[in-house]
Amino acid sequence: MAGVVHIPWYATGLRKDKLADALTGIAPVALRYGATSYAVYRSQDDRYKFLQMAAFDEHRDWERYWNGPEFIDFRVLTSSWYQVPVLYVWNDLIASGTLEPEAANHVAAGVAGTELNG
């Protein structure tokens, strides 16, 4: 079953920017392991708090990514940059949606699904 993994990271003292850069580098690697998307968020309220997300069709692809050589190297090289333990959570995907940029422009202008007369 498709799902999204949430990985909460919390940077240690004065390493928030280093961790941000490292997460920016490791997150797209998920695509090599079958992820359909990835994202990394940084809290505006607490600049040391990050949330990494990756969507996979199969849980085993997530496990291959998390236990793959790139992520093992990431954890070894950055182990003092974040608090442990890192407790990720697999979430089953039960609904999703997106709004295409062109459609979003029409909705914002109030013309989605209507005919313009004039």
PDB file of N, CA and C in Angstrom:
ATOM      1  N   MET A   1       0.841  -1.179   0.000  1.00  0.00           N
ATOM      2  CA  MET A   1       0.000   0.000   0.000  1.00  0.00           C
ATOM      3  C   MET A   1       0.888   1.245   0.000  1.00  0.00           C
ATOM      4  N   ALA A   2       0.511   2.231  -0.785  1.00  0.00           N
ATOM      5  CA  ALA A   2       1.264   3.471  -0.869  1.00  0.00           C
ATOM      6  C   ALA A   2       1.244   4.197   0.466  1.00  0.00           C
ATOM      7  N   GLY A   3       2.324   4.901   0.737  1.00  0.00           N
ATOM      8  CA  GLY A   3       2.405   5.632   1.986  1.00  0.00           C
ATOM      9  C   GLY A   3       3.406   6.758   1.931  1.00  0.00           C
ATOM     10  N   VAL A   4       3.388   7.540   2.980  1.00  0.00           N
ATOM     11  CA  VAL A   4       4.320   8.652   3.130  1.00  0.00           C
ATOM     12  C   VAL A   4       5.027   8.494   4.458  1.00  0.00           C
ATOM     13  N   VAL A   5       6.333   8.574   4.419  1.00  0.00           N
ATOM     14  CA  VAL A   5       7.131   8.479   5.635  1.00  0.00           C
ATOM     15  C   VAL A   5       7.415   9.887   6.141  1.00  0.00           C
ATOM     16  N   HIS A   6       7.193  10.103   7.426  1.00  0.00           N
ATOM     17  CA  HIS A   6       7.532  11.365   8.081  1.00  0.00           C
ATOM     18  C   HIS A   6       8.740  11.096   8.970  1.00  0.00           C
ATOM     19  N   ILE A   7       9.787  11.871   8.772  1.00  0.00           N
ATOM     20  CA  ILE A   7      10.994  11.742   9.581  1.00  0.00           C
ATOM     21  C   ILE A   7      11.230  13.088  10.273  1.00  0.00           C
ATOM     22  N   PRO A   8      10.974  13.158  11.574  1.00  0.00           N
ATOM     23  CA  PRO A   8      11.235  14.403  12.291  1.00  0.00           C
ATOM     24  C   PRO A   8      12.715  14.496  12.686  1.00  0.00           C
ATOM     25  N   TRP A   9      13.335  15.591  12.360  1.00  0.00           N
ATOM     26  CA  TRP A   9      14.726  15.845  12.724  1.00  0.00           C
ATOM     27  C   TRP A   9      14.758  17.062  13.628  1.00  0.00           C
ATOM     28  N   TYR A  10      15.654  17.039  14.609  1.00  0.00           N
ATOM     29  CA  TYR A  10      15.847  18.205  15.462  1.00  0.00           C
ATOM     30  C   TYR A  10      17.344  18.456  15.582  1.00  0.00           C
ATOM     31  N   ALA A  11      17.785  19.597  15.054  1.00  0.00           N
ATOM     32  CA  ALA A  11      19.212  19.923  15.021  1.00  0.00           C
ATOM     33  C   ALA A  11      19.752  20.216  16.411  1.00  0.00           C
ATOM     34  N   THR A  12      21.013  19.881  16.607  1.00  0.00           N
ATOM     35  CA  THR A  12      21.695  20.211  17.855  1.00  0.00           C
ATOM     36  C   THR A  12      22.281  21.614  17.736  1.00  0.00           C
ATOM     37  N   GLY A  13      22.732  22.149  18.854  1.00  0.00           N
ATOM     38  CA  GLY A  13      23.205  23.525  18.940  1.00  0.00           C
ATOM     39  C   GLY A  13      24.094  23.985  17.807  1.00  0.00           C
ATOM     40  N   LEU A  14      23.699  25.067  17.189  1.00  0.00           N
ATOM     41  CA  LEU A  14      24.448  25.759  16.134  1.00  0.00           C
ATOM     42  C   LEU A  14      24.683  24.911  14.878  1.00  0.00           C
ATOM     43  N   ARG A  15      23.941  23.822  14.712  1.00  0.00           N
ATOM     44  CA  ARG A  15      24.120  22.978  13.526  1.00  0.00           C
ATOM     45  C   ARG A  15      22.876  22.961  12.636  1.00  0.00           C
ATOM     46  N   LYS A  16      21.954  23.852  12.887  1.00  0.00           N
ATOM     47  CA  LYS A  16      20.700  23.853  12.134  1.00  0.00           C
ATOM     48  C   LYS A  16      20.911  24.099  10.641  1.00  0.00           C
ATOM     49  N   ASP A  17      21.816  24.972  10.284  1.00  0.00           N
ATOM     50  CA  ASP A  17      22.050  25.250   8.870  1.00  0.00           C
ATOM     51  C   ASP A  17      22.796  24.108   8.188  1.00  0.00           C
ATOM     52  N   LYS A  18      23.731  23.492   8.907  1.00  0.00           N
ATOM     53  CA  LYS A  18      24.430  22.330   8.359  1.00  0.00           C
ATOM     54  C   LYS A  18      23.456  21.181   8.118  1.00  0.00           C
ATOM     55  N   LEU A  19      22.562  20.958   9.090  1.00  0.00           N
ATOM     56  CA  LEU A  19      21.580  19.888   8.931  1.00  0.00           C
ATOM     57  C   LEU A  19      20.628  20.206   7.774  1.00  0.00           C
ATOM     58  N   ALA A  20      20.231  21.448   7.641  1.00  0.00           N
ATOM     59  CA  ALA A  20      19.359  21.850   6.526  1.00  0.00           C
ATOM     60  C   ALA A  20      20.017  21.519   5.193  1.00  0.00           C
ATOM     61  N   ASP A  21      21.280  21.851   5.045  1.00  0.00           N
ATOM     62  CA  ASP A  21      21.995  21.554   3.798  1.00  0.00           C
ATOM     63  C   ASP A  21      22.105  20.053   3.563  1.00  0.00           C
ATOM     64  N   ALA A  22      22.399  19.298   4.616  1.00  0.00           N
ATOM     65  CA  ALA A  22      22.539  17.851   4.484  1.00  0.00           C
ATOM     66  C   ALA A  22      21.209  17.197   4.102  1.00  0.00           C
ATOM     67  N   LEU A  23      20.112  17.641   4.705  1.00  0.00           N
ATOM     68  CA  LEU A  23      18.802  17.089   4.368  1.00  0.00           C
ATOM     69  C   LEU A  23      18.413  17.425   2.930  1.00  0.00           C
ATOM     70  N   THR A  24      18.795  18.606   2.489  1.00  0.00           N
ATOM     71  CA  THR A  24      18.541  18.996   1.102  1.00  0.00           C
ATOM     72  C   THR A  24      19.278  18.067   0.137  1.00  0.00           C
ATOM     73  N   GLY A  25      20.413  17.549   0.562  1.00  0.00           N
ATOM     74  CA  GLY A  25      21.179  16.634  -0.278  1.00  0.00           C
ATOM     75  C   GLY A  25      20.676  15.199  -0.251  1.00  0.00           C
ATOM     76  N   ILE A  26      20.238  14.714   0.910  1.00  0.00           N
ATOM     77  CA  ILE A  26      19.830  13.309   1.024  1.00  0.00           C
ATOM     78  C   ILE A  26      18.393  13.091   0.572  1.00  0.00           C
ATOM     79  N   ALA A  27      17.526  14.061   0.698  1.00  0.00           N
ATOM     80  CA  ALA A  27      16.101  13.879   0.384  1.00  0.00           C
ATOM     81  C   ALA A  27      15.851  13.423  -1.057  1.00  0.00           C
ATOM     82  N   PRO A  28      16.467  14.038  -2.078  1.00  0.00           N
ATOM     83  CA  PRO A  28      16.174  13.609  -3.445  1.00  0.00           C
ATOM     84  C   PRO A  28      16.689  12.211  -3.788  1.00  0.00           C
ATOM     85  N   VAL A  29      17.582  11.678  -2.985  1.00  0.00           N
ATOM     86  CA  VAL A  29      18.089  10.316  -3.205  1.00  0.00           C
ATOM     87  C   VAL A  29      16.945   9.308  -3.114  1.00  0.00           C
ATOM     88  N   ALA A  30      15.896   9.649  -2.395  1.00  0.00           N
ATOM     89  CA  ALA A  30      14.731   8.763  -2.263  1.00  0.00           C
ATOM     90  C   ALA A  30      14.153   8.396  -3.627  1.00  0.00           C
ATOM     91  N   LEU A  31      14.247   9.297  -4.586  1.00  0.00           N
ATOM     92  CA  LEU A  31      13.722   9.024  -5.927  1.00  0.00           C
ATOM     93  C   LEU A  31      14.430   7.844  -6.585  1.00  0.00           C
ATOM     94  N   ARG A  32      15.704   7.646  -6.276  1.00  0.00           N
ATOM     95  CA  ARG A  32      16.460   6.502  -6.819  1.00  0.00           C
ATOM     96  C   ARG A  32      15.944   5.174  -6.273  1.00  0.00           C
ATOM     97  N   TYR A  33      15.252   5.231  -5.143  1.00  0.00           N
ATOM     98  CA  TYR A  33      14.758   4.019  -4.490  1.00  0.00           C
ATOM     99  C   TYR A  33      13.258   3.817  -4.686  1.00  0.00           C
ATOM    100  N   GLY A  34      12.676   4.560  -5.601  1.00  0.00           N
ATOM    101  CA  GLY A  34      11.279   4.354  -5.931  1.00  0.00           C
ATOM    102  C   GLY A  34      10.313   5.352  -5.325  1.00  0.00           C
ATOM    103  N   ALA A  35      10.799   6.372  -4.642  1.00  0.00           N
ATOM    104  CA  ALA A  35       9.891   7.383  -4.103  1.00  0.00           C
ATOM    105  C   ALA A  35       9.219   8.125  -5.246  1.00  0.00           C
ATOM    106  N   THR A  36       7.970   8.482  -5.044  1.00  0.00           N
ATOM    107  CA  THR A  36       7.249   9.259  -6.043  1.00  0.00           C
ATOM    108  C   THR A  36       7.348  10.754  -5.766  1.00  0.00           C
ATOM    109  N   SER A  37       7.712  11.112  -4.553  1.00  0.00           N
ATOM    110  CA  SER A  37       7.929  12.514  -4.207  1.00  0.00           C
ATOM    111  C   SER A  37       8.703  12.594  -2.894  1.00  0.00           C
ATOM    112  N   TYR A  38       9.250  13.759  -2.639  1.00  0.00           N
ATOM    113  CA  TYR A  38       9.931  14.014  -1.369  1.00  0.00           C
ATOM    114  C   TYR A  38       9.766  15.483  -1.026  1.00  0.00           C
ATOM    115  N   ALA A  39       9.924  15.804   0.233  1.00  0.00           N
ATOM    116  CA  ALA A  39       9.881  17.191   0.689  1.00  0.00           C
ATOM    117  C   ALA A  39      10.622  17.286   2.011  1.00  0.00           C
ATOM    118  N   VAL A  40      11.186  18.442   2.263  1.00  0.00           N
ATOM    119  CA  VAL A  40      11.793  18.744   3.557  1.00  0.00           C
ATOM    120  C   VAL A  40      11.254  20.097   3.987  1.00  0.00           C
ATOM    121  N   TYR A  41      10.705  20.137   5.183  1.00  0.00           N
ATOM    122  CA  TYR A  41      10.148  21.366   5.737  1.00  0.00           C
ATOM    123  C   TYR A  41      10.981  21.801   6.933  1.00  0.00           C
ATOM    124  N   ARG A  42      11.110  23.124   7.086  1.00  0.00           N
ATOM    125  CA  ARG A  42      11.788  23.688   8.250  1.00  0.00           C
ATOM    126  C   ARG A  42      10.797  24.589   8.976  1.00  0.00           C
ATOM    127  N   SER A  43      10.663  24.387  10.254  1.00  0.00           N
ATOM    128  CA  SER A  43       9.711  25.159  11.045  1.00  0.00           C
ATOM    129  C   SER A  43      10.109  26.630  11.091  1.00  0.00           C
ATOM    130  N   GLN A  44       9.118  27.490  10.983  1.00  0.00           N
ATOM    131  CA  GLN A  44       9.377  28.917  11.143  1.00  0.00           C
ATOM    132  C   GLN A  44       9.389  29.315  12.618  1.00  0.00           C
ATOM    133  N   ASP A  45       8.709  28.536  13.440  1.00  0.00           N
ATOM    134  CA  ASP A  45       8.675  28.829  14.875  1.00  0.00           C
ATOM    135  C   ASP A  45       9.917  28.342  15.604  1.00  0.00           C
ATOM    136  N   ASP A  46      10.489  27.248  15.130  1.00  0.00           N
ATOM    137  CA  ASP A  46      11.672  26.646  15.751  1.00  0.00           C
ATOM    138  C   ASP A  46      12.616  26.239  14.631  1.00  0.00           C
ATOM    139  N   ARG A  47      13.617  27.061  14.357  1.00  0.00           N
ATOM    140  CA  ARG A  47      14.501  26.868  13.199  1.00  0.00           C
ATOM    141  C   ARG A  47      15.382  25.618  13.309  1.00  0.00           C
ATOM    142  N   TYR A  48      15.338  24.924  14.449  1.00  0.00           N
ATOM    143  CA  TYR A  48      16.091  23.683  14.625  1.00  0.00           C
ATOM    144  C   TYR A  48      15.255  22.459  14.262  1.00  0.00           C
ATOM    145  N   LYS A  49      13.981  22.656  13.977  1.00  0.00           N
ATOM    146  CA  LYS A  49      13.047  21.554  13.746  1.00  0.00           C
ATOM    147  C   LYS A  49      12.782  21.381  12.253  1.00  0.00           C
ATOM    148  N   PHE A  50      12.941  20.132  11.771  1.00  0.00           N
ATOM    149  CA  PHE A  50      12.746  19.794  10.366  1.00  0.00           C
ATOM    150  C   PHE A  50      11.806  18.601  10.254  1.00  0.00           C
ATOM    151  N   LEU A  51      11.097  18.527   9.143  1.00  0.00           N
ATOM    152  CA  LEU A  51      10.284  17.365   8.830  1.00  0.00           C
ATOM    153  C   LEU A  51      10.606  16.947   7.409  1.00  0.00           C
ATOM    154  N   GLN A  52      11.150  15.749   7.277  1.00  0.00           N
ATOM    155  CA  GLN A  52      11.427  15.175   5.966  1.00  0.00           C
ATOM    156  C   GLN A  52      10.287  14.218   5.628  1.00  0.00           C
ATOM    157  N   MET A  53       9.813  14.284   4.393  1.00  0.00           N
ATOM    158  CA  MET A  53       8.733  13.406   3.951  1.00  0.00           C
ATOM    159  C   MET A  53       9.128  12.772   2.617  1.00  0.00           C
ATOM    160  N   ALA A  54       8.740  11.516   2.453  1.00  0.00           N
ATOM    161  CA  ALA A  54       8.960  10.826   1.188  1.00  0.00           C
ATOM    162  C   ALA A  54       7.796   9.880   0.951  1.00  0.00           C
ATOM    163  N   ALA A  55       7.255   9.903  -0.256  1.00  0.00           N
ATOM    164  CA  ALA A  55       6.129   9.037  -0.619  1.00  0.00           C
ATOM    165  C   ALA A  55       6.641   7.854  -1.429  1.00  0.00           C
ATOM    166  N   PHE A  56       6.178   6.676  -1.060  1.00  0.00           N
ATOM    167  CA  PHE A  56       6.569   5.436  -1.741  1.00  0.00           C
ATOM    168  C   PHE A  56       5.322   4.609  -2.033  1.00  0.00           C
ATOM    169  N   ASP A  57       5.356   3.858  -3.122  1.00  0.00           N
ATOM    170  CA  ASP A  57       4.272   2.920  -3.418  1.00  0.00           C
ATOM    171  C   ASP A  57       4.381   1.667  -2.563  1.00  0.00           C
ATOM    172  N   GLU A  58       5.608   1.298  -2.218  1.00  0.00           N
ATOM    173  CA  GLU A  58       5.848   0.073  -1.454  1.00  0.00           C
ATOM    174  C   GLU A  58       6.719   0.379  -0.230  1.00  0.00           C
ATOM    175  N   HIS A  59       6.357  -0.192   0.900  1.00  0.00           N
ATOM    176  CA  HIS A  59       7.116   0.007   2.138  1.00  0.00           C
ATOM    177  C   HIS A  59       8.547  -0.500   1.986  1.00  0.00           C
ATOM    178  N   ARG A  60       8.735  -1.562   1.242  1.00  0.00           N
ATOM    179  CA  ARG A  60      10.081  -2.126   1.088  1.00  0.00           C
ATOM    180  C   ARG A  60      11.028  -1.146   0.386  1.00  0.00           C
ATOM    181  N   ASP A  61      10.492  -0.291  -0.503  1.00  0.00           N
ATOM    182  CA  ASP A  61      11.340   0.710  -1.155  1.00  0.00           C
ATOM    183  C   ASP A  61      11.821   1.750  -0.135  1.00  0.00           C
ATOM    184  N   TRP A  62      10.955   2.097   0.804  1.00  0.00           N
ATOM    185  CA  TRP A  62      11.361   2.990   1.887  1.00  0.00           C
ATOM    186  C   TRP A  62      12.498   2.364   2.690  1.00  0.00           C
ATOM    187  N   GLU A  63      12.362   1.095   3.023  1.00  0.00           N
ATOM    188  CA  GLU A  63      13.390   0.414   3.806  1.00  0.00           C
ATOM    189  C   GLU A  63      14.716   0.358   3.045  1.00  0.00           C
ATOM    190  N   ARG A  64      14.648   0.168   1.732  1.00  0.00           N
ATOM    191  CA  ARG A  64      15.876   0.164   0.930  1.00  0.00           C
ATOM    192  C   ARG A  64      16.551   1.534   0.968  1.00  0.00           C
ATOM    193  N   TYR A  65      15.766   2.590   0.922  1.00  0.00           N
ATOM    194  CA  TYR A  65      16.302   3.957   1.002  1.00  0.00           C
ATOM    195  C   TYR A  65      16.914   4.221   2.378  1.00  0.00           C
ATOM    196  N   TRP A  66      16.169   3.952   3.448  1.00  0.00           N
ATOM    197  CA  TRP A  66      16.631   4.220   4.804  1.00  0.00           C
ATOM    198  C   TRP A  66      17.885   3.413   5.138  1.00  0.00           C
ATOM    199  N   ASN A  67      17.975   2.185   4.655  1.00  0.00           N
ATOM    200  CA  ASN A  67      19.104   1.308   4.950  1.00  0.00           C
ATOM    201  C   ASN A  67      20.139   1.272   3.830  1.00  0.00           C
ATOM    202  N   GLY A  68      19.960   2.104   2.820  1.00  0.00           N
ATOM    203  CA  GLY A  68      20.898   2.160   1.704  1.00  0.00           C
ATOM    204  C   GLY A  68      22.196   2.851   2.072  1.00  0.00           C
ATOM    205  N   PRO A  69      23.212   2.685   1.252  1.00  0.00           N
ATOM    206  CA  PRO A  69      24.533   3.254   1.572  1.00  0.00           C
ATOM    207  C   PRO A  69      24.542   4.780   1.702  1.00  0.00           C
ATOM    208  N   GLU A  70      23.716   5.463   0.912  1.00  0.00           N
ATOM    209  CA  GLU A  70      23.701   6.928   0.984  1.00  0.00           C
ATOM    210  C   GLU A  70      23.178   7.411   2.331  1.00  0.00           C
ATOM    211  N   PHE A  71      22.082   6.779   2.804  1.00  0.00           N
ATOM    212  CA  PHE A  71      21.516   7.228   4.073  1.00  0.00           C
ATOM    213  C   PHE A  71      22.364   6.763   5.250  1.00  0.00           C
ATOM    214  N   ILE A  72      23.006   5.623   5.131  1.00  0.00           N
ATOM    215  CA  ILE A  72      23.928   5.188   6.185  1.00  0.00           C
ATOM    216  C   ILE A  72      25.077   6.188   6.292  1.00  0.00           C
ATOM    217  N   ASP A  73      25.651   6.570   5.151  1.00  0.00           N
ATOM    218  CA  ASP A  73      26.724   7.574   5.160  1.00  0.00           C
ATOM    219  C   ASP A  73      26.233   8.897   5.735  1.00  0.00           C
ATOM    220  N   PHE A  74      25.017   9.304   5.356  1.00  0.00           N
ATOM    221  CA  PHE A  74      24.433  10.536   5.881  1.00  0.00           C
ATOM    222  C   PHE A  74      24.392  10.498   7.408  1.00  0.00           C
ATOM    223  N   ARG A  75      23.869   9.413   7.953  1.00  0.00           N
ATOM    224  CA  ARG A  75      23.737   9.317   9.411  1.00  0.00           C
ATOM    225  C   ARG A  75      25.099   9.283  10.100  1.00  0.00           C
ATOM    226  N   VAL A  76      26.075   8.623   9.488  1.00  0.00           N
ATOM    227  CA  VAL A  76      27.417   8.576  10.079  1.00  0.00           C
ATOM    228  C   VAL A  76      28.047   9.971  10.078  1.00  0.00           C
ATOM    229  N   LEU A  77      27.977  10.656   8.950  1.00  0.00           N
ATOM    230  CA  LEU A  77      28.632  11.961   8.814  1.00  0.00           C
ATOM    231  C   LEU A  77      27.947  13.072   9.596  1.00  0.00           C
ATOM    232  N   THR A  78      26.635  12.940   9.818  1.00  0.00           N
ATOM    233  CA  THR A  78      25.891  14.020  10.471  1.00  0.00           C
ATOM    234  C   THR A  78      25.377  13.643  11.860  1.00  0.00           C
ATOM    235  N   SER A  79      25.856  12.565  12.418  1.00  0.00           N
ATOM    236  CA  SER A  79      25.287  12.033  13.661  1.00  0.00           C
ATOM    237  C   SER A  79      25.305  13.022  14.822  1.00  0.00           C
ATOM    238  N   SER A  80      26.213  13.961  14.832  1.00  0.00           N
ATOM    239  CA  SER A  80      26.235  14.929  15.932  1.00  0.00           C
ATOM    240  C   SER A  80      25.431  16.190  15.588  1.00  0.00           C
ATOM    241  N   TRP A  81      24.799  16.210  14.432  1.00  0.00           N
ATOM    242  CA  TRP A  81      24.063  17.399  13.994  1.00  0.00           C
ATOM    243  C   TRP A  81      22.583  17.345  14.364  1.00  0.00           C
ATOM    244  N   TYR A  82      22.107  16.208  14.874  1.00  0.00           N
ATOM    245  CA  TYR A  82      20.696  16.071  15.207  1.00  0.00           C
ATOM    246  C   TYR A  82      20.537  15.224  16.463  1.00  0.00           C
ATOM    247  N   GLN A  83      19.385  15.400  17.105  1.00  0.00           N
ATOM    248  CA  GLN A  83      19.095  14.648  18.322  1.00  0.00           C
ATOM    249  C   GLN A  83      18.624  13.236  17.971  1.00  0.00           C
ATOM    250  N   VAL A  84      19.009  12.299  18.804  1.00  0.00           N
ATOM    251  CA  VAL A  84      18.574  10.920  18.643  1.00  0.00           C
ATOM    252  C   VAL A  84      17.677  10.548  19.819  1.00  0.00           C
ATOM    253  N   PRO A  85      16.790   9.611  19.663  1.00  0.00           N
ATOM    254  CA  PRO A  85      16.596   8.808  18.460  1.00  0.00           C
ATOM    255  C   PRO A  85      15.783   9.551  17.405  1.00  0.00           C
ATOM    256  N   VAL A  86      15.949   9.114  16.163  1.00  0.00           N
ATOM    257  CA  VAL A  86      15.139   9.602  15.055  1.00  0.00           C
ATOM    258  C   VAL A  86      14.049   8.555  14.847  1.00  0.00           C
ATOM    259  N   LEU A  87      12.828   8.924  15.116  1.00  0.00           N
ATOM    260  CA  LEU A  87      11.710   7.977  15.060  1.00  0.00           C
ATOM    261  C   LEU A  87      10.806   8.317  13.878  1.00  0.00           C
ATOM    262  N   TYR A  88      11.041   7.654  12.771  1.00  0.00           N
ATOM    263  CA  TYR A  88      10.231   7.896  11.579  1.00  0.00           C
ATOM    264  C   TYR A  88       8.914   7.139  11.692  1.00  0.00           C
ATOM    265  N   VAL A  89       7.921   7.584  10.918  1.00  0.00           N
ATOM    266  CA  VAL A  89       6.592   6.972  10.940  1.00  0.00           C
ATOM    267  C   VAL A  89       6.126   6.752   9.510  1.00  0.00           C
ATOM    268  N   TRP A  90       5.712   5.517   9.203  1.00  0.00           N
ATOM    269  CA  TRP A  90       5.095   5.203   7.911  1.00  0.00           C
ATOM    270  C   TRP A  90       3.606   5.507   8.036  1.00  0.00           C
ATOM    271  N   ASN A  91       3.081   6.293   7.120  1.00  0.00           N
ATOM    272  CA  ASN A  91       1.665   6.645   7.103  1.00  0.00           C
ATOM    273  C   ASN A  91       1.041   6.109   5.826  1.00  0.00           C
ATOM    274  N   ASP A  92      -0.029   5.312   5.939  1.00  0.00           N
ATOM    275  CA  ASP A  92      -0.742   4.845   4.750  1.00  0.00           C
ATOM    276  C   ASP A  92      -1.432   6.029   4.092  1.00  0.00           C
ATOM    277  N   LEU A  93      -1.340   6.089   2.784  1.00  0.00           N
ATOM    278  CA  LEU A  93      -1.984   7.148   2.026  1.00  0.00           C
ATOM    279  C   LEU A  93      -3.437   6.759   1.784  1.00  0.00           C
ATOM    280  N   ILE A  94      -4.369   7.544   2.295  1.00  0.00           N
ATOM    281  CA  ILE A  94      -5.781   7.222   2.093  1.00  0.00           C
ATOM    282  C   ILE A  94      -6.494   8.266   1.224  1.00  0.00           C
ATOM    283  N   ALA A  95      -5.891   9.425   1.027  1.00  0.00           N
ATOM    284  CA  ALA A  95      -6.443  10.438   0.125  1.00  0.00           C
ATOM    285  C   ALA A  95      -5.347  11.437  -0.196  1.00  0.00           C
ATOM    286  N   SER A  96      -5.383  11.973  -1.396  1.00  0.00           N
ATOM    287  CA  SER A  96      -4.429  13.015  -1.770  1.00  0.00           C
ATOM    288  C   SER A  96      -5.002  13.816  -2.928  1.00  0.00           C
ATOM    289  N   GLY A  97      -4.389  14.910  -3.216  1.00  0.00           N
ATOM    290  CA  GLY A  97      -4.808  15.737  -4.334  1.00  0.00           C
ATOM    291  C   GLY A  97      -3.810  16.842  -4.561  1.00  0.00           C
ATOM    292  N   THR A  98      -3.846  17.379  -5.741  1.00  0.00           N
ATOM    293  CA  THR A  98      -2.998  18.515  -6.076  1.00  0.00           C
ATOM    294  C   THR A  98      -3.797  19.464  -6.953  1.00  0.00           C
ATOM    295  N   LEU A  99      -3.323  20.645  -7.065  1.00  0.00           N
ATOM    296  CA  LEU A  99      -3.927  21.633  -7.932  1.00  0.00           C
ATOM    297  C   LEU A  99      -2.849  22.072  -8.906  1.00  0.00           C
ATOM    298  N   GLU A 100      -3.098  21.844 -10.174  1.00  0.00           N
ATOM    299  CA  GLU A 100      -2.124  22.224 -11.193  1.00  0.00           C
ATOM    300  C   GLU A 100      -1.999  23.741 -11.240  1.00  0.00           C
ATOM    301  N   PRO A 101      -0.806  24.253 -11.527  1.00  0.00           N
ATOM    302  CA  PRO A 101      -0.603  25.714 -11.513  1.00  0.00           C
ATOM    303  C   PRO A 101      -1.592  26.469 -12.395  1.00  0.00           C
ATOM    304  N   GLU A 102      -1.879  25.990 -13.604  1.00  0.00           N
ATOM    305  CA  GLU A 102      -2.815  26.677 -14.496  1.00  0.00           C
ATOM    306  C   GLU A 102      -4.211  26.706 -13.875  1.00  0.00           C
ATOM    307  N   ALA A 103      -4.652  25.585 -13.332  1.00  0.00           N
ATOM    308  CA  ALA A 103      -5.968  25.534 -12.692  1.00  0.00           C
ATOM    309  C   ALA A 103      -6.003  26.435 -11.467  1.00  0.00           C
ATOM    310  N   ALA A 104      -4.914  26.489 -10.745  1.00  0.00           N
ATOM    311  CA  ALA A 104      -4.860  27.336  -9.552  1.00  0.00           C
ATOM    312  C   ALA A 104      -5.045  28.804  -9.919  1.00  0.00           C
ATOM    313  N   ASN A 105      -4.470  29.229 -11.036  1.00  0.00           N
ATOM    314  CA  ASN A 105      -4.618  30.615 -11.472  1.00  0.00           C
ATOM    315  C   ASN A 105      -6.073  30.929 -11.791  1.00  0.00           C
ATOM    316  N   HIS A 106      -6.781  29.985 -12.426  1.00  0.00           N
ATOM    317  CA  HIS A 106      -8.185  30.205 -12.753  1.00  0.00           C
ATOM    318  C   HIS A 106      -9.047  30.229 -11.494  1.00  0.00           C
ATOM    319  N   VAL A 107      -8.774  29.356 -10.576  1.00  0.00           N
ATOM    320  CA  VAL A 107      -9.536  29.334  -9.327  1.00  0.00           C
ATOM    321  C   VAL A 107      -9.317  30.641  -8.566  1.00  0.00           C
ATOM    322  N   ALA A 108      -8.084  31.089  -8.525  1.00  0.00           N
ATOM    323  CA  ALA A 108      -7.787  32.329  -7.810  1.00  0.00           C
ATOM    324  C   ALA A 108      -8.503  33.518  -8.458  1.00  0.00           C
ATOM    325  N   ALA A 109      -8.651  33.453  -9.781  1.00  0.00           N
ATOM    326  CA  ALA A 109      -9.332  34.551 -10.475  1.00  0.00           C
ATOM    327  C   ALA A 109     -10.847  34.395 -10.438  1.00  0.00           C
ATOM    328  N   GLY A 110     -11.334  33.261  -9.925  1.00  0.00           N
ATOM    329  CA  GLY A 110     -12.774  33.051  -9.813  1.00  0.00           C
ATOM    330  C   GLY A 110     -13.430  32.600 -11.091  1.00  0.00           C
ATOM    331  N   VAL A 111     -12.659  32.001 -12.023  1.00  0.00           N
ATOM    332  CA  VAL A 111     -13.224  31.614 -13.306  1.00  0.00           C
ATOM    333  C   VAL A 111     -13.197  30.122 -13.546  1.00  0.00           C
ATOM    334  N   ALA A 112     -12.842  29.326 -12.568  1.00  0.00           N
ATOM    335  CA  ALA A 112     -12.781  27.876 -12.754  1.00  0.00           C
ATOM    336  C   ALA A 112     -14.176  27.326 -13.016  1.00  0.00           C
ATOM    337  N   GLY A 113     -14.314  26.607 -14.114  1.00  0.00           N
ATOM    338  CA  GLY A 113     -15.573  25.934 -14.407  1.00  0.00           C
ATOM    339  C   GLY A 113     -16.690  26.871 -14.844  1.00  0.00           C
ATOM    340  N   THR A 114     -16.368  28.103 -15.207  1.00  0.00           N
ATOM    341  CA  THR A 114     -17.418  29.023 -15.662  1.00  0.00           C
ATOM    342  C   THR A 114     -17.067  29.531 -17.044  1.00  0.00           C
ATOM    343  N   GLU A 115     -18.080  29.917 -17.769  1.00  0.00           N
ATOM    344  CA  GLU A 115     -17.898  30.530 -19.085  1.00  0.00           C
ATOM    345  C   GLU A 115     -17.865  32.039 -18.911  1.00  0.00           C
ATOM    346  N   LEU A 116     -16.976  32.676 -19.609  1.00  0.00           N
ATOM    347  CA  LEU A 116     -16.922  34.134 -19.552  1.00  0.00           C
ATOM    348  C   LEU A 116     -17.796  34.704 -20.665  1.00  0.00           C
ATOM    349  N   ASN A 117     -18.736  35.519 -20.305  1.00  0.00           N
ATOM    350  CA  ASN A 117     -19.601  36.163 -21.289  1.00  0.00           C
ATOM    351  C   ASN A 117     -19.224  37.636 -21.346  1.00  0.00           C
ATOM    352  N   GLY A 118     -19.197  38.119 -22.541  1.00  0.00           N
ATOM    353  CA  GLY A 118     -18.954  39.501 -22.497  1.00  0.00           C
ATOM    354  C   GLY A 118     -18.523  40.117 -23.701  1.00  0.00           C
TER     355      GLY A 118
END
